Amino acid sequence: MAKYLFVYHGGKTPTSEAEIKRVMEAWGQWMGGLGDALIDGGNPVGKSITVKADAVTHDGGANPVSGYSLIEASSDEDAVAKAKGCPILADGGSVEVAEAHDM
């Protein structure tokens, strides 16, 4: 099984207790459904800092990251199928899927 990094972009931040509960339950159900494929559930992240050879910017980047997870999947297609169930999609966000190579 290969490892895949799921990088989350966007999505809405819940503002009420009811929304927080709904979002947390949706993420819990989705992650629970991944079973042993879930290596690291990850975390939400704050605004990123972009470091280049000649500059540092504090603007969050062109497509700000909102969180990450690490999963196992048998193929790119399997990883994409797993990502399609992610609750962030229902809240207007996206999931970037990339195979993590061992070094």
Protein backbone atom coordinates (compact mmCIF):
# COMPACT_ATOMS: atom_id res chain seq x y z
CA MET A 1 0.00 0.00 0.00
CA ALA A 2 1.21 3.47 -0.86
CA LYS A 3 0.91 6.51 1.40
CA TYR A 4 -1.00 9.56 0.20
CA LEU A 5 -1.04 13.08 1.54
CA PHE A 6 -4.45 14.73 1.47
CA VAL A 7 -4.06 18.51 1.52
CA TYR A 8 -7.29 20.37 2.23
CA HIS A 9 -8.02 23.76 0.70
CA GLY A 10 -10.84 26.12 1.60
CA GLY A 11 -14.08 25.06 3.17
CA LYS A 12 -16.23 27.10 5.51
CA THR A 13 -15.41 27.66 9.15
CA PRO A 14 -18.43 26.71 11.26
CA THR A 15 -19.79 29.62 13.28
CA SER A 16 -22.49 28.12 15.52
CA GLU A 17 -22.43 25.25 17.98
CA ALA A 18 -24.82 23.32 15.74
CA GLU A 19 -22.53 23.79 12.71
CA ILE A 20 -19.44 22.80 14.71
CA LYS A 21 -21.22 19.64 15.86
CA ARG A 22 -22.35 18.82 12.30
CA VAL A 23 -18.88 19.35 10.85
CA MET A 24 -17.10 17.38 13.59
CA GLU A 25 -19.54 14.48 13.23
CA ALA A 26 -19.12 14.46 9.43
CA TRP A 27 -15.31 14.41 9.74
CA GLY A 28 -15.48 11.72 12.44
CA GLN A 29 -17.72 9.50 10.32
CA TRP A 30 -15.56 9.94 7.22
CA MET A 31 -12.29 9.30 9.06
CA GLY A 32 -13.84 6.35 10.90
CA GLY A 33 -14.95 4.95 7.56
CA LEU A 34 -11.36 5.02 6.30
CA GLY A 35 -10.48 2.43 8.98
CA ASP A 36 -6.88 1.23 8.92
CA ALA A 37 -6.21 3.31 5.78
CA LEU A 38 -6.03 6.41 8.00
CA ILE A 39 -2.40 6.76 9.09
CA ASP A 40 -2.60 10.29 10.52
CA GLY A 41 -5.87 12.21 10.70
CA GLY A 42 -3.86 15.42 10.59
CA ASN A 43 -5.03 18.82 11.75
CA PRO A 44 -6.34 22.12 10.51
CA VAL A 45 -3.56 24.62 9.85
CA GLY A 46 -3.13 28.37 10.13
CA LYS A 47 -2.25 30.83 7.41
CA SER A 48 0.95 29.78 5.65
CA ILE A 49 4.15 31.71 5.04
CA THR A 50 5.75 31.29 1.61
CA VAL A 51 9.56 31.21 1.60
CA LYS A 52 11.41 31.80 -1.69
CA ALA A 53 15.11 32.33 -2.35
CA ASP A 54 14.65 36.09 -2.47
CA ALA A 55 11.43 36.77 -0.53
CA VAL A 56 9.14 35.73 2.29
CA THR A 57 5.42 36.44 2.05
CA HIS A 58 2.76 36.07 4.73
CA ASP A 59 -0.24 35.96 2.38
CA GLY A 60 -1.28 32.30 2.71
CA GLY A 61 -0.18 31.43 -0.82
CA ALA A 62 -2.14 31.21 -4.05
CA ASN A 63 -4.38 28.38 -2.80
CA PRO A 64 -4.25 28.46 1.02
CA VAL A 65 -4.01 25.14 2.83
CA SER A 66 -6.61 24.55 5.55
CA GLY A 67 -5.43 21.13 6.79
CA TYR A 68 -3.98 17.73 5.95
CA SER A 69 -4.23 13.96 6.54
CA LEU A 70 -2.07 10.97 5.63
CA ILE A 71 -3.74 7.79 4.37
CA GLU A 72 -2.87 4.50 2.71
CA ALA A 73 -4.37 3.46 -0.60
CA SER A 74 -3.72 0.76 -3.18
CA SER A 75 -3.52 3.22 -6.11
CA ASP A 76 -4.07 6.81 -7.18
CA GLU A 77 -7.63 5.86 -8.08
CA ASP A 78 -8.23 4.35 -4.64
CA ALA A 79 -6.85 7.48 -2.96
CA VAL A 80 -9.10 9.71 -5.10
CA ALA A 81 -12.12 7.53 -4.28
CA LYS A 82 -11.34 7.93 -0.57
CA ALA A 83 -10.92 11.71 -0.97
CA LYS A 84 -14.31 12.00 -2.70
CA GLY A 85 -16.00 11.25 0.63
CA CYS A 86 -14.24 14.08 2.47
CA PRO A 87 -16.66 16.47 4.22
CA ILE A 88 -14.71 19.54 3.10
CA LEU A 89 -16.13 19.02 -0.40
CA ALA A 90 -19.66 19.65 0.88
CA ASP A 91 -18.45 22.92 2.43
CA GLY A 92 -16.97 24.30 -0.78
CA GLY A 93 -13.39 23.10 -0.27
CA SER A 94 -11.15 20.73 -2.18
CA VAL A 95 -8.72 17.89 -1.50
CA GLU A 96 -5.33 17.75 -3.18
CA VAL A 97 -4.08 14.14 -3.35
CA ALA A 98 -0.37 13.35 -3.68
CA GLU A 99 1.51 10.08 -3.21
CA ALA A 100 4.13 10.34 -0.46
CA HIS A 101 7.34 8.55 -1.49
CA ASP A 102 9.57 6.89 1.08
CA MET A 103 13.18 8.04 1.01
